[in-house]
Amino acid sequence: MAKGLATSRLSRWQVLKAVGAVSSLSLFGTLSPLRTPSAVAAPCPPATFYCEADPNPLNNRCESCAQLLTYMGTTGVIDGGGQPQPTYAGWTTPEWDVSVDSYSIRRGPYEKEKGQWCYEVRCTYSAKVKSALRTLRWVPTPPPPASCADKCTDAISRWCAAVDEHEQHHVQENRNIVSEAKAGAKFADFRPTFEVCASTTRFCNAACAQARALAKVHGAFLRERARIYSGTLFTQLEDEADRRADAFHRSPGDKHPPRRVVAVNRQSAARE
């Protein structure tokens, strides 16, 4: 797992990394009942969870500390699309919903250049995002002894809270992206207004050019719809979310610990 962490790339929709989980779970290396791995653990019911259970049963783990570390390294959290994300304790998958509902002529006809007649058109957009958030949850199995059960409960609760806080940052950022795009941010190229023109020719006077420009308006609106449904805009939204996630993961505001903790905890895990 340490090798995987050392070579892993910050991926799209990245959330709290396994290094954070390993660091948070280092306390559990001192809990003697967790040092003896049992058989391969199955997902467990949520009734015994210290934290709110994940919607995907596979993310709710009832197993030893060593088994959890191994599972995180090989499988990790199962994301909202059902895909494993090795070395990750959580994953946020945005589902963008964007459409062009209607259009209106803001200005025109006007002569932009000599002989060129234009209309300025504004599209009405609808946009929203739904983020599918998935996180690993853990119930130590077998349970820790009574003498340190409170410490175990507290540590797991803090781990859950750290993962959830990190995930919610991505959820809110996805909402911000939609709001900013609707307000005209360049990264998404919503283009709330566009211009349609036609020129006079030997056989088409000014009135003719104006009529031709007006006839092009609806066609331009349909092309604007096609541009969105082709996936171009969704790719732009995803790229912006990727950029912001990478920036967050490298910022002081992201409190997951440095990679150097991996080597320390690798030794602890090996002793288990």
Protein backbone atom coordinates (compact mmCIF):
# COMPACT_ATOMS: atom_id res chain seq x y z
CA MET A 1 0.00 0.00 0.00
CA ALA A 2 2.89 2.36 0.81
CA LYS A 3 4.28 1.81 -2.69
CA GLY A 4 0.91 2.59 -4.19
CA LEU A 5 0.62 5.78 -2.17
CA ALA A 6 4.07 6.87 -3.19
CA THR A 7 3.27 6.51 -6.90
CA SER A 8 -0.41 7.45 -6.96
CA ARG A 9 -1.49 10.55 -8.88
CA LEU A 10 -4.00 13.03 -7.50
CA SER A 11 -7.09 11.87 -9.33
CA ARG A 12 -10.33 13.53 -10.30
CA TRP A 13 -12.77 13.94 -7.40
CA GLN A 14 -10.00 12.89 -4.98
CA VAL A 15 -10.91 12.86 -1.33
CA LEU A 16 -9.13 12.05 1.93
CA LYS A 17 -6.26 9.70 1.12
CA ALA A 18 -5.40 6.49 2.84
CA VAL A 19 -2.37 8.15 4.41
CA GLY A 20 -4.81 10.17 6.48
CA ALA A 21 -6.66 7.06 7.44
CA VAL A 22 -3.44 5.22 8.29
CA SER A 23 -2.30 8.09 10.47
CA SER A 24 -5.67 8.33 12.21
CA LEU A 25 -5.73 4.59 12.74
CA SER A 26 -2.21 4.41 14.18
CA LEU A 27 -3.77 4.40 17.64
CA PHE A 28 -5.40 1.08 16.87
CA GLY A 29 -2.02 -0.60 16.49
CA THR A 30 -1.82 -0.51 20.29
CA LEU A 31 -5.11 -2.37 20.72
CA SER A 32 -4.10 -5.97 21.23
CA PRO A 33 -7.31 -7.68 19.95
CA LEU A 34 -6.74 -6.06 16.57
CA ARG A 35 -3.28 -7.57 16.11
CA THR A 36 -4.60 -10.97 15.12
CA PRO A 37 -6.34 -10.85 11.72
CA SER A 38 -9.35 -13.11 11.39
CA ALA A 39 -10.81 -14.54 8.21
CA VAL A 40 -11.55 -12.20 5.29
CA ALA A 41 -14.23 -9.86 6.55
CA ALA A 42 -17.59 -9.30 4.91
CA PRO A 43 -19.44 -5.97 4.91
CA CYS A 44 -21.32 -5.50 8.14
CA PRO A 45 -24.71 -4.10 9.10
CA PRO A 46 -24.79 -0.44 10.12
CA ALA A 47 -26.38 -0.96 13.53
CA THR A 48 -23.02 -1.14 15.32
CA PHE A 49 -21.36 1.80 13.54
CA TYR A 50 -19.72 4.67 15.38
CA CYS A 51 -20.46 6.90 12.36
CA GLU A 52 -23.29 7.11 9.86
CA ALA A 53 -23.10 4.05 7.61
CA ASP A 54 -22.35 4.42 3.91
CA PRO A 55 -25.14 3.73 1.38
CA ASN A 56 -22.99 1.01 -0.23
CA PRO A 57 -22.69 -1.99 2.14
CA LEU A 58 -19.25 -2.80 0.72
CA ASN A 59 -17.94 0.41 2.27
CA ASN A 60 -19.05 -0.64 5.75
CA ARG A 61 -16.23 -2.80 7.09
CA CYS A 62 -16.30 -5.12 10.12
CA GLU A 63 -12.72 -6.40 10.34
CA SER A 64 -9.37 -6.02 12.06
CA CYS A 65 -7.07 -3.05 11.66
CA ALA A 66 -4.67 -5.07 9.49
CA GLN A 67 -7.51 -6.24 7.26
CA LEU A 68 -8.82 -2.69 6.87
CA LEU A 69 -5.38 -1.39 5.87
CA THR A 70 -5.04 -4.18 3.31
CA TYR A 71 -8.52 -3.53 1.94
CA MET A 72 -7.82 0.18 1.61
CA GLY A 73 -4.61 -0.52 -0.27
CA THR A 74 -6.12 -3.01 -2.71
CA THR A 75 -9.72 -1.84 -3.07
CA GLY A 76 -10.42 1.34 -1.15
CA VAL A 77 -13.79 3.04 -1.11
CA ILE A 78 -16.37 2.01 -3.71
CA ASP A 79 -17.42 5.22 -5.43
CA GLY A 80 -20.90 6.35 -6.47
CA GLY A 81 -20.49 4.59 -9.80
CA GLY A 82 -19.64 1.26 -8.18
CA GLN A 83 -15.91 1.47 -8.97
CA PRO A 84 -13.18 0.74 -6.38
CA GLN A 85 -10.73 3.54 -5.61
CA PRO A 86 -7.63 1.93 -4.06
CA THR A 87 -5.89 3.89 -1.26
CA TYR A 88 -8.85 6.27 -0.87
CA ALA A 89 -11.10 6.44 2.19
CA GLY A 90 -13.75 8.49 0.38
CA TRP A 91 -14.79 9.61 -3.07
CA THR A 92 -17.13 12.31 -4.39
CA THR A 93 -18.62 11.91 -7.86
CA PRO A 94 -20.50 14.90 -9.31
CA GLU A 95 -23.41 14.41 -11.69
CA TRP A 96 -23.82 17.56 -13.79
CA ASP A 97 -27.25 18.47 -15.15
CA VAL A 98 -27.21 21.34 -17.67
CA SER A 99 -29.69 22.34 -20.35
CA VAL A 100 -30.56 25.32 -22.56
CA ASP A 101 -34.26 25.92 -22.08
CA SER A 102 -35.04 28.95 -24.24
CA TYR A 103 -33.64 32.08 -25.84
CA SER A 104 -34.58 35.72 -26.28
CA ILE A 105 -33.44 38.47 -28.64
CA ARG A 106 -31.73 41.17 -26.61
CA ARG A 107 -30.85 43.53 -29.42
CA GLY A 108 -31.29 43.85 -33.16
CA PRO A 109 -31.31 44.12 -35.95
CA TYR A 110 -28.23 46.37 -35.83
CA GLU A 111 -25.53 47.05 -38.39
CA LYS A 112 -22.29 45.76 -36.89
CA GLU A 113 -20.22 46.61 -39.95
CA LYS A 114 -21.27 48.16 -43.20
CA GLY A 115 -23.68 45.76 -44.82
CA GLN A 116 -23.58 43.25 -41.91
CA TRP A 117 -26.80 43.00 -39.89
CA CYS A 118 -26.92 41.17 -36.57
CA TYR A 119 -29.04 40.06 -33.62
CA GLU A 120 -27.77 39.56 -30.09
CA VAL A 121 -29.40 36.57 -28.42
CA ARG A 122 -29.41 35.40 -24.81
CA CYS A 123 -29.93 31.76 -23.82
CA THR A 124 -31.67 30.73 -20.64
CA TYR A 125 -29.74 27.96 -18.89
CA SER A 126 -30.76 25.50 -16.23
CA ALA A 127 -27.90 23.93 -14.29
CA LYS A 128 -27.48 21.91 -11.12
CA VAL A 129 -25.21 19.25 -9.69
CA LYS A 130 -25.79 16.23 -7.50
CA SER A 131 -22.74 14.81 -5.76
CA ALA A 132 -22.63 11.10 -4.95
CA LEU A 133 -20.52 10.84 -1.79
CA ARG A 134 -19.11 7.52 -0.58
CA THR A 135 -16.89 6.84 2.44
CA LEU A 136 -15.34 3.85 4.18
CA ARG A 137 -16.74 3.08 7.64
CA TRP A 138 -15.16 0.71 10.13
CA VAL A 139 -16.20 -1.39 13.11
CA PRO A 140 -13.19 -3.12 14.76
CA THR A 141 -13.79 -6.87 14.72
CA PRO A 142 -13.02 -8.39 17.16
CA PRO A 143 -13.83 -5.39 19.36
CA PRO A 144 -11.15 -3.68 21.44
CA PRO A 145 -10.92 -4.48 25.15
CA ALA A 146 -13.03 -2.45 27.54
CA SER A 147 -9.94 -0.69 28.90
CA CYS A 148 -9.43 1.21 25.64
CA ALA A 149 -12.85 0.98 24.00
CA ASP A 150 -13.53 4.69 24.62
CA LYS A 151 -10.26 5.68 22.92
CA CYS A 152 -11.12 3.47 19.97
CA THR A 153 -14.59 4.95 19.63
CA ASP A 154 -13.22 8.48 19.82
CA ALA A 155 -10.49 7.81 17.24
CA ILE A 156 -12.89 6.25 14.74
CA SER A 157 -15.38 9.08 15.21
CA ARG A 158 -12.65 11.65 14.56
CA TRP A 159 -11.55 9.74 11.46
CA CYS A 160 -15.12 9.72 10.14
CA ALA A 161 -15.46 13.43 10.83
CA ALA A 162 -12.20 14.21 9.01
CA VAL A 163 -13.24 12.21 5.95
CA ASP A 164 -16.71 13.77 5.95
CA GLU A 165 -15.34 17.30 6.30
CA HIS A 166 -12.98 16.72 3.38
CA GLU A 167 -15.75 15.27 1.23
CA GLN A 168 -18.11 18.13 1.99
CA HIS A 169 -15.51 20.57 0.73
CA HIS A 170 -15.71 18.87 -2.69
CA VAL A 171 -19.52 18.80 -2.56
CA GLN A 172 -19.63 22.54 -1.89
CA GLU A 173 -17.02 23.24 -4.54
CA ASN A 174 -19.14 21.43 -7.12
CA ARG A 175 -22.07 23.68 -6.20
CA ASN A 176 -19.82 26.72 -6.50
CA ILE A 177 -18.73 25.65 -9.98
CA VAL A 178 -22.34 25.51 -11.19
CA SER A 179 -23.18 28.88 -9.64
CA GLU A 180 -20.12 30.54 -11.14
CA ALA A 181 -20.71 28.98 -14.55
CA LYS A 182 -24.30 30.26 -14.60
CA ALA A 183 -22.97 33.71 -13.69
CA GLY A 184 -20.72 33.68 -16.77
CA ALA A 185 -17.39 32.24 -15.57
CA LYS A 186 -15.06 31.58 -18.50
CA PHE A 187 -13.97 28.10 -17.43
CA ALA A 188 -17.29 26.56 -18.46
CA ASP A 189 -18.06 28.69 -21.53
CA PHE A 190 -21.78 28.87 -20.83
CA ARG A 191 -21.93 31.83 -23.22
CA PRO A 192 -25.22 33.32 -22.04
CA THR A 193 -25.24 35.62 -25.08
CA PHE A 194 -24.26 35.09 -28.70
CA GLU A 195 -24.47 37.04 -31.92
CA VAL A 196 -26.00 36.00 -35.25
CA CYS A 197 -25.33 38.01 -38.43
CA ALA A 198 -26.03 38.08 -42.17
CA SER A 199 -24.57 40.36 -44.83
CA THR A 200 -26.03 42.18 -47.76
CA THR A 201 -25.08 40.90 -51.20
CA ARG A 202 -25.70 41.86 -54.78
CA PHE A 203 -29.03 40.05 -54.60
CA CYS A 204 -29.87 40.71 -50.91
CA ASN A 205 -30.42 44.22 -49.57
CA ALA A 206 -30.45 45.37 -45.92
CA ALA A 207 -34.00 44.15 -45.27
CA CYS A 208 -33.10 40.80 -46.80
CA ALA A 209 -29.95 40.49 -44.67
CA GLN A 210 -31.90 41.33 -41.54
CA ALA A 211 -34.46 38.64 -42.35
CA ARG A 212 -31.72 36.10 -42.98
CA ALA A 213 -30.04 36.95 -39.68
CA LEU A 214 -33.33 36.54 -37.86
CA ALA A 215 -33.87 33.17 -39.54
CA LYS A 216 -30.46 32.05 -38.23
CA VAL A 217 -31.32 32.78 -34.60
CA HIS A 218 -33.26 29.59 -33.96
CA GLY A 219 -30.62 27.51 -35.72
CA ALA A 220 -27.94 29.02 -33.49
CA PHE A 221 -30.03 28.17 -30.44
CA LEU A 222 -30.27 24.55 -31.58
CA ARG A 223 -26.50 24.43 -32.11
CA GLU A 224 -26.03 25.79 -28.59
CA ARG A 225 -28.17 22.94 -27.28
CA ALA A 226 -26.17 20.43 -29.30
CA ARG A 227 -22.92 21.81 -27.90
CA ILE A 228 -24.11 21.07 -24.38
CA TYR A 229 -25.56 17.66 -25.12
CA SER A 230 -22.40 16.65 -26.99
CA GLY A 231 -20.65 16.57 -23.62
CA THR A 232 -18.29 19.48 -24.24
CA LEU A 233 -19.68 21.57 -21.42
CA PHE A 234 -19.71 18.63 -19.00
CA THR A 235 -16.03 18.04 -19.74
CA GLN A 236 -15.29 21.68 -18.97
CA LEU A 237 -17.12 21.41 -15.64
CA GLU A 238 -15.25 18.22 -14.75
CA ASP A 239 -11.90 19.77 -15.66
CA GLU A 240 -12.63 22.75 -13.41
CA ALA A 241 -13.63 20.46 -10.55
CA ASP A 242 -10.42 18.47 -11.11
CA ARG A 243 -8.33 21.65 -11.03
CA ARG A 244 -9.93 22.84 -7.79
CA ALA A 245 -9.62 19.44 -6.14
CA ASP A 246 -5.91 19.25 -6.95
CA ALA A 247 -5.39 22.77 -5.61
CA PHE A 248 -7.24 21.90 -2.40
CA HIS A 249 -5.23 18.73 -1.86
CA ARG A 250 -2.03 20.77 -2.04
CA SER A 251 -3.26 23.55 0.22
CA PRO A 252 -2.84 24.04 4.00
CA GLY A 253 -6.62 23.77 4.28
CA ASP A 254 -6.45 20.07 3.44
CA LYS A 255 -5.40 18.52 6.72
CA HIS A 256 -4.46 15.03 5.55
CA PRO A 257 -0.97 14.22 6.91
CA PRO A 258 2.25 14.20 4.88
CA ARG A 259 3.39 11.08 3.06
CA ARG A 260 6.18 10.45 5.55
CA VAL A 261 3.69 8.92 7.99
CA VAL A 262 3.27 5.98 5.62
CA ALA A 263 6.67 4.49 6.39
CA VAL A 264 6.07 4.72 10.14
CA ASN A 265 2.67 3.12 9.96
CA ARG A 266 3.83 0.51 7.47
CA GLN A 267 6.08 -0.87 10.18
CA SER A 268 3.19 -0.88 12.64
CA ALA A 269 0.94 -2.66 10.16
CA ALA A 270 3.64 -5.23 9.43
CA ARG A 271 3.82 -6.15 13.11
CA GLU A 272 0.11 -6.87 13.12
